Amino acid sequence: MPESPPLRPRVGVGVILRRPDGAFLIGERKGSHGAGQLALPGGALELYETVRQCATRETLEEVGVRVPEDAWRAPFAVAEAVIDANNHWITIFALAHVDADVKFENMEPHKCAGWSFKRARDVRDVPDEGVFLPLRLLMRDENANVDEACVPEGFVVNGDGVYAPA
């Protein structure tokens, strides 16, 4: 019998869709590792696909929103997560700003219980077992400040995490 190929880390792309109020899109995983945990949209990087192409594809596939490739800040952050014996992932996070009234849809209800916008502080308040490991690592990364990420020129983020003129 031929030997199985050795297991290797895989590359995933986590998508941060951030509104002007600082909230970003979060879903509840189902039917896979991490079921019942909060997670970002995203998925596996395909062969010869750029991170921005993957972020655009996954956003359209999972939430029905088309984000142009040039709108992504990628890589925004990177996390290494060993989820279980068969799941060692390097997750590259890509961030894009979306309008406050962006319309999204749960395009894969068999994989996600639903999507909603949450603030980083609200995600940080969830017990560890309720947050998918790559997102948990992002929330702990001192170099990846999701609250103030990519603030548009001429604006600052006030104490409530909302853009305000500088």
C-alpha atoms as a PDB file:
ATOM      1  CA  MET A   1       0.000   0.000   0.000  1.00  0.00           C
ATOM      2  CA  PRO A   2       1.427   3.432  -0.927  1.00  0.00           C
ATOM      3  CA  GLU A   3       2.347   5.711   1.941  1.00  0.00           C
ATOM      4  CA  SER A   4       0.189   8.735   2.637  1.00  0.00           C
ATOM      5  CA  PRO A   5       1.869  12.010   1.776  1.00  0.00           C
ATOM      6  CA  PRO A   6       3.206  13.811   4.847  1.00  0.00           C
ATOM      7  CA  LEU A   7       0.880  16.310   6.445  1.00  0.00           C
ATOM      8  CA  ARG A   8       1.844  19.911   5.820  1.00  0.00           C
ATOM      9  CA  PRO A   9       0.540  23.244   7.047  1.00  0.00           C
ATOM     10  CA  ARG A  10      -2.142  24.828   4.883  1.00  0.00           C
ATOM     11  CA  VAL A  11      -2.680  28.499   4.121  1.00  0.00           C
ATOM     12  CA  GLY A  12      -5.984  30.153   4.896  1.00  0.00           C
ATOM     13  CA  VAL A  13      -7.229  33.684   4.368  1.00  0.00           C
ATOM     14  CA  GLY A  14      -9.318  35.348   7.071  1.00  0.00           C
ATOM     15  CA  VAL A  15     -11.452  38.243   5.831  1.00  0.00           C
ATOM     16  CA  ILE A  16     -11.998  41.336   7.965  1.00  0.00           C
ATOM     17  CA  LEU A  17     -14.873  43.426   6.577  1.00  0.00           C
ATOM     18  CA  ARG A  18     -14.759  46.570   8.734  1.00  0.00           C
ATOM     19  CA  ARG A  19     -17.494  49.210   8.886  1.00  0.00           C
ATOM     20  CA  PRO A  20     -16.810  52.880   9.722  1.00  0.00           C
ATOM     21  CA  ASP A  21     -18.023  52.295  13.309  1.00  0.00           C
ATOM     22  CA  GLY A  22     -15.229  49.756  13.820  1.00  0.00           C
ATOM     23  CA  ALA A  23     -17.432  46.662  13.807  1.00  0.00           C
ATOM     24  CA  PHE A  24     -16.489  43.776  11.550  1.00  0.00           C
ATOM     25  CA  LEU A  25     -18.395  40.798  10.160  1.00  0.00           C
ATOM     26  CA  ILE A  26     -18.383  37.654  12.314  1.00  0.00           C
ATOM     27  CA  GLY A  27     -20.195  34.368  11.821  1.00  0.00           C
ATOM     28  CA  GLU A  28     -20.824  31.216  13.824  1.00  0.00           C
ATOM     29  CA  ARG A  29     -19.181  28.145  12.278  1.00  0.00           C
ATOM     30  CA  LYS A  30     -21.081  24.911  11.898  1.00  0.00           C
ATOM     31  CA  GLY A  31     -20.494  21.464  10.409  1.00  0.00           C
ATOM     32  CA  SER A  32     -16.674  21.596  10.593  1.00  0.00           C
ATOM     33  CA  HIS A  33     -13.820  21.966  13.039  1.00  0.00           C
ATOM     34  CA  GLY A  34     -14.645  24.950  15.200  1.00  0.00           C
ATOM     35  CA  ALA A  35     -18.399  24.331  15.051  1.00  0.00           C
ATOM     36  CA  GLY A  36     -20.256  26.737  17.327  1.00  0.00           C
ATOM     37  CA  GLN A  37     -17.359  29.205  17.437  1.00  0.00           C
ATOM     38  CA  LEU A  38     -17.228  32.785  16.185  1.00  0.00           C
ATOM     39  CA  ALA A  39     -15.097  33.194  13.064  1.00  0.00           C
ATOM     40  CA  LEU A  40     -14.369  35.535  10.194  1.00  0.00           C
ATOM     41  CA  PRO A  41     -15.356  34.746   6.618  1.00  0.00           C
ATOM     42  CA  GLY A  42     -12.524  33.072   4.755  1.00  0.00           C
ATOM     43  CA  GLY A  43     -11.063  29.826   3.569  1.00  0.00           C
ATOM     44  CA  ALA A  44      -8.178  28.051   1.916  1.00  0.00           C
ATOM     45  CA  LEU A  45      -5.859  29.821  -0.466  1.00  0.00           C
ATOM     46  CA  GLU A  46      -5.970  28.041  -3.826  1.00  0.00           C
ATOM     47  CA  LEU A  47      -2.890  27.197  -5.883  1.00  0.00           C
ATOM     48  CA  TYR A  48      -1.634  30.293  -7.799  1.00  0.00           C
ATOM     49  CA  GLU A  49      -4.275  32.509  -6.144  1.00  0.00           C
ATOM     50  CA  THR A  50      -3.151  35.741  -4.474  1.00  0.00           C
ATOM     51  CA  VAL A  51      -4.311  36.596  -0.965  1.00  0.00           C
ATOM     52  CA  ARG A  52      -6.407  39.448  -2.374  1.00  0.00           C
ATOM     53  CA  GLN A  53      -8.004  37.176  -4.984  1.00  0.00           C
ATOM     54  CA  CYS A  54      -8.822  34.653  -2.267  1.00  0.00           C
ATOM     55  CA  ALA A  55     -10.302  37.348  -0.001  1.00  0.00           C
ATOM     56  CA  THR A  56     -12.475  38.630  -2.850  1.00  0.00           C
ATOM     57  CA  ARG A  57     -13.607  35.099  -3.782  1.00  0.00           C
ATOM     58  CA  GLU A  58     -14.345  33.989  -0.218  1.00  0.00           C
ATOM     59  CA  THR A  59     -16.263  37.188   0.559  1.00  0.00           C
ATOM     60  CA  LEU A  60     -18.476  36.721  -2.479  1.00  0.00           C
ATOM     61  CA  GLU A  61     -18.952  32.983  -1.824  1.00  0.00           C
ATOM     62  CA  GLU A  62     -19.753  33.317   1.876  1.00  0.00           C
ATOM     63  CA  VAL A  63     -21.547  36.665   2.282  1.00  0.00           C
ATOM     64  CA  GLY A  64     -22.497  37.725  -1.248  1.00  0.00           C
ATOM     65  CA  VAL A  65     -20.467  40.944  -1.143  1.00  0.00           C
ATOM     66  CA  ARG A  66     -18.049  41.820  -3.950  1.00  0.00           C
ATOM     67  CA  VAL A  67     -14.941  43.595  -2.690  1.00  0.00           C
ATOM     68  CA  PRO A  68     -12.485  44.651  -5.417  1.00  0.00           C
ATOM     69  CA  GLU A  69      -9.036  43.092  -5.110  1.00  0.00           C
ATOM     70  CA  ASP A  70      -7.357  46.482  -4.783  1.00  0.00           C
ATOM     71  CA  ALA A  71      -9.532  47.346  -1.750  1.00  0.00           C
ATOM     72  CA  TRP A  72      -7.810  44.787   0.485  1.00  0.00           C
ATOM     73  CA  ARG A  73      -5.018  45.544   2.912  1.00  0.00           C
ATOM     74  CA  ALA A  74      -3.233  42.233   2.697  1.00  0.00           C
ATOM     75  CA  PRO A  75      -1.504  40.870   4.546  1.00  0.00           C
ATOM     76  CA  PHE A  76      -2.964  42.746   7.491  1.00  0.00           C
ATOM     77  CA  ALA A  77      -1.801  40.150  10.013  1.00  0.00           C
ATOM     78  CA  VAL A  78      -0.686  36.516  10.113  1.00  0.00           C
ATOM     79  CA  ALA A  79      -1.413  33.786  12.670  1.00  0.00           C
ATOM     80  CA  GLU A  80      -0.307  30.184  13.024  1.00  0.00           C
ATOM     81  CA  ALA A  81      -2.951  27.845  14.418  1.00  0.00           C
ATOM     82  CA  VAL A  82      -2.685  24.139  15.146  1.00  0.00           C
ATOM     83  CA  ILE A  83      -6.370  23.355  15.488  1.00  0.00           C
ATOM     84  CA  ASP A  84      -6.102  19.570  15.781  1.00  0.00           C
ATOM     85  CA  ALA A  85      -3.880  16.692  14.586  1.00  0.00           C
ATOM     86  CA  ASN A  86      -4.944  17.232  10.957  1.00  0.00           C
ATOM     87  CA  ASN A  87      -5.334  21.007  10.861  1.00  0.00           C
ATOM     88  CA  HIS A  88      -2.223  23.164  11.009  1.00  0.00           C
ATOM     89  CA  TRP A  89      -2.983  26.469   9.342  1.00  0.00           C
ATOM     90  CA  ILE A  90      -1.099  29.652   8.576  1.00  0.00           C
ATOM     91  CA  THR A  91      -3.849  32.257   8.333  1.00  0.00           C
ATOM     92  CA  ILE A  92      -3.225  35.478   6.441  1.00  0.00           C
ATOM     93  CA  PHE A  93      -5.748  38.138   7.360  1.00  0.00           C
ATOM     94  CA  ALA A  94      -6.962  40.636   4.761  1.00  0.00           C
ATOM     95  CA  LEU A  95      -8.841  43.780   5.739  1.00  0.00           C
ATOM     96  CA  ALA A  96     -11.230  45.912   3.679  1.00  0.00           C
ATOM     97  CA  HIS A  97     -13.497  48.765   4.665  1.00  0.00           C
ATOM     98  CA  VAL A  98     -17.180  48.472   3.786  1.00  0.00           C
ATOM     99  CA  ASP A  99     -19.997  51.004   3.932  1.00  0.00           C
ATOM    100  CA  ALA A 100     -22.061  51.246   7.113  1.00  0.00           C
ATOM    101  CA  ASP A 101     -25.147  50.014   5.233  1.00  0.00           C
ATOM    102  CA  VAL A 102     -23.471  47.102   3.419  1.00  0.00           C
ATOM    103  CA  LYS A 103     -25.949  44.331   2.625  1.00  0.00           C
ATOM    104  CA  PHE A 104     -24.738  40.786   3.142  1.00  0.00           C
ATOM    105  CA  GLU A 105     -26.322  37.350   2.965  1.00  0.00           C
ATOM    106  CA  ASN A 106     -25.491  33.961   4.458  1.00  0.00           C
ATOM    107  CA  MET A 107     -24.572  32.203   1.203  1.00  0.00           C
ATOM    108  CA  GLU A 108     -23.446  28.962   2.906  1.00  0.00           C
ATOM    109  CA  PRO A 109     -25.989  28.205   5.655  1.00  0.00           C
ATOM    110  CA  HIS A 110     -24.628  24.649   5.919  1.00  0.00           C
ATOM    111  CA  LYS A 111     -21.269  26.135   7.059  1.00  0.00           C
ATOM    112  CA  CYS A 112     -22.382  29.230   8.990  1.00  0.00           C
ATOM    113  CA  ALA A 113     -25.287  29.817  11.377  1.00  0.00           C
ATOM    114  CA  GLY A 114     -25.388  33.497  10.386  1.00  0.00           C
ATOM    115  CA  TRP A 115     -23.404  36.722  10.104  1.00  0.00           C
ATOM    116  CA  SER A 116     -23.453  39.888  12.184  1.00  0.00           C
ATOM    117  CA  PHE A 117     -21.188  42.851  12.854  1.00  0.00           C
ATOM    118  CA  LYS A 118     -19.355  42.891  16.179  1.00  0.00           C
ATOM    119  CA  ARG A 119     -16.742  45.115  17.760  1.00  0.00           C
ATOM    120  CA  ALA A 120     -13.316  43.723  18.658  1.00  0.00           C
ATOM    121  CA  ARG A 121     -13.943  44.314  22.370  1.00  0.00           C
ATOM    122  CA  ASP A 122     -17.120  42.215  22.158  1.00  0.00           C
ATOM    123  CA  VAL A 123     -15.221  39.341  20.541  1.00  0.00           C
ATOM    124  CA  ARG A 124     -12.467  39.632  23.164  1.00  0.00           C
ATOM    125  CA  ASP A 125     -15.145  39.260  25.878  1.00  0.00           C
ATOM    126  CA  VAL A 126     -16.228  35.849  24.531  1.00  0.00           C
ATOM    127  CA  PRO A 127     -14.620  32.888  26.382  1.00  0.00           C
ATOM    128  CA  ASP A 128     -11.793  31.253  24.388  1.00  0.00           C
ATOM    129  CA  GLU A 129     -13.815  28.137  23.589  1.00  0.00           C
ATOM    130  CA  GLY A 130     -16.364  30.338  21.776  1.00  0.00           C
ATOM    131  CA  VAL A 131     -13.876  31.884  19.329  1.00  0.00           C
ATOM    132  CA  PHE A 132     -12.213  30.037  16.432  1.00  0.00           C
ATOM    133  CA  LEU A 133      -8.474  29.852  17.102  1.00  0.00           C
ATOM    134  CA  PRO A 134      -7.240  32.033  14.194  1.00  0.00           C
ATOM    135  CA  LEU A 135      -9.644  34.840  15.204  1.00  0.00           C
ATOM    136  CA  ARG A 136      -8.672  34.438  18.864  1.00  0.00           C
ATOM    137  CA  LEU A 137      -5.002  34.830  17.891  1.00  0.00           C
ATOM    138  CA  LEU A 138      -5.813  37.918  15.808  1.00  0.00           C
ATOM    139  CA  MET A 139      -7.624  39.503  18.770  1.00  0.00           C
ATOM    140  CA  ARG A 140      -4.522  38.937  20.932  1.00  0.00           C
ATOM    141  CA  ASP A 141      -2.026  40.237  18.363  1.00  0.00           C
ATOM    142  CA  GLU A 142      -0.713  43.570  19.662  1.00  0.00           C
ATOM    143  CA  ASN A 143       0.594  44.461  16.187  1.00  0.00           C
ATOM    144  CA  ALA A 144      -2.798  43.959  14.525  1.00  0.00           C
ATOM    145  CA  ASN A 145      -5.071  46.604  15.983  1.00  0.00           C
ATOM    146  CA  VAL A 146      -8.398  45.829  14.346  1.00  0.00           C
ATOM    147  CA  ASP A 147      -9.982  48.744  16.230  1.00  0.00           C
ATOM    148  CA  GLU A 148      -7.837  51.334  14.440  1.00  0.00           C
ATOM    149  CA  ALA A 149      -6.856  49.457  11.302  1.00  0.00           C
ATOM    150  CA  CYS A 150      -6.451  51.486   8.132  1.00  0.00           C
ATOM    151  CA  VAL A 151      -8.181  54.599   9.367  1.00  0.00           C
ATOM    152  CA  PRO A 152      -8.848  56.748   6.283  1.00  0.00           C
ATOM    153  CA  GLU A 153      -6.633  59.792   5.894  1.00  0.00           C
ATOM    154  CA  GLY A 154      -7.994  62.851   7.686  1.00  0.00           C
ATOM    155  CA  PHE A 155      -9.856  60.799  10.311  1.00  0.00           C
ATOM    156  CA  VAL A 156      -9.144  59.424  13.776  1.00  0.00           C
ATOM    157  CA  VAL A 157     -10.913  56.725  15.766  1.00  0.00           C
ATOM    158  CA  ASN A 158     -12.705  58.130  18.806  1.00  0.00           C
ATOM    159  CA  GLY A 159     -13.153  56.301  22.143  1.00  0.00           C
ATOM    160  CA  ASP A 160     -16.173  54.442  20.777  1.00  0.00           C
ATOM    161  CA  GLY A 161     -14.190  53.137  17.804  1.00  0.00           C
ATOM    162  CA  VAL A 162     -16.038  55.412  15.346  1.00  0.00           C
ATOM    163  CA  TYR A 163     -14.275  57.449  12.641  1.00  0.00           C
ATOM    164  CA  ALA A 164     -14.239  61.161  13.367  1.00  0.00           C
ATOM    165  CA  PRO A 165     -12.598  64.022  11.413  1.00  0.00           C
ATOM    166  CA  ALA A 166      -9.023  64.657  12.617  1.00  0.00           C
END
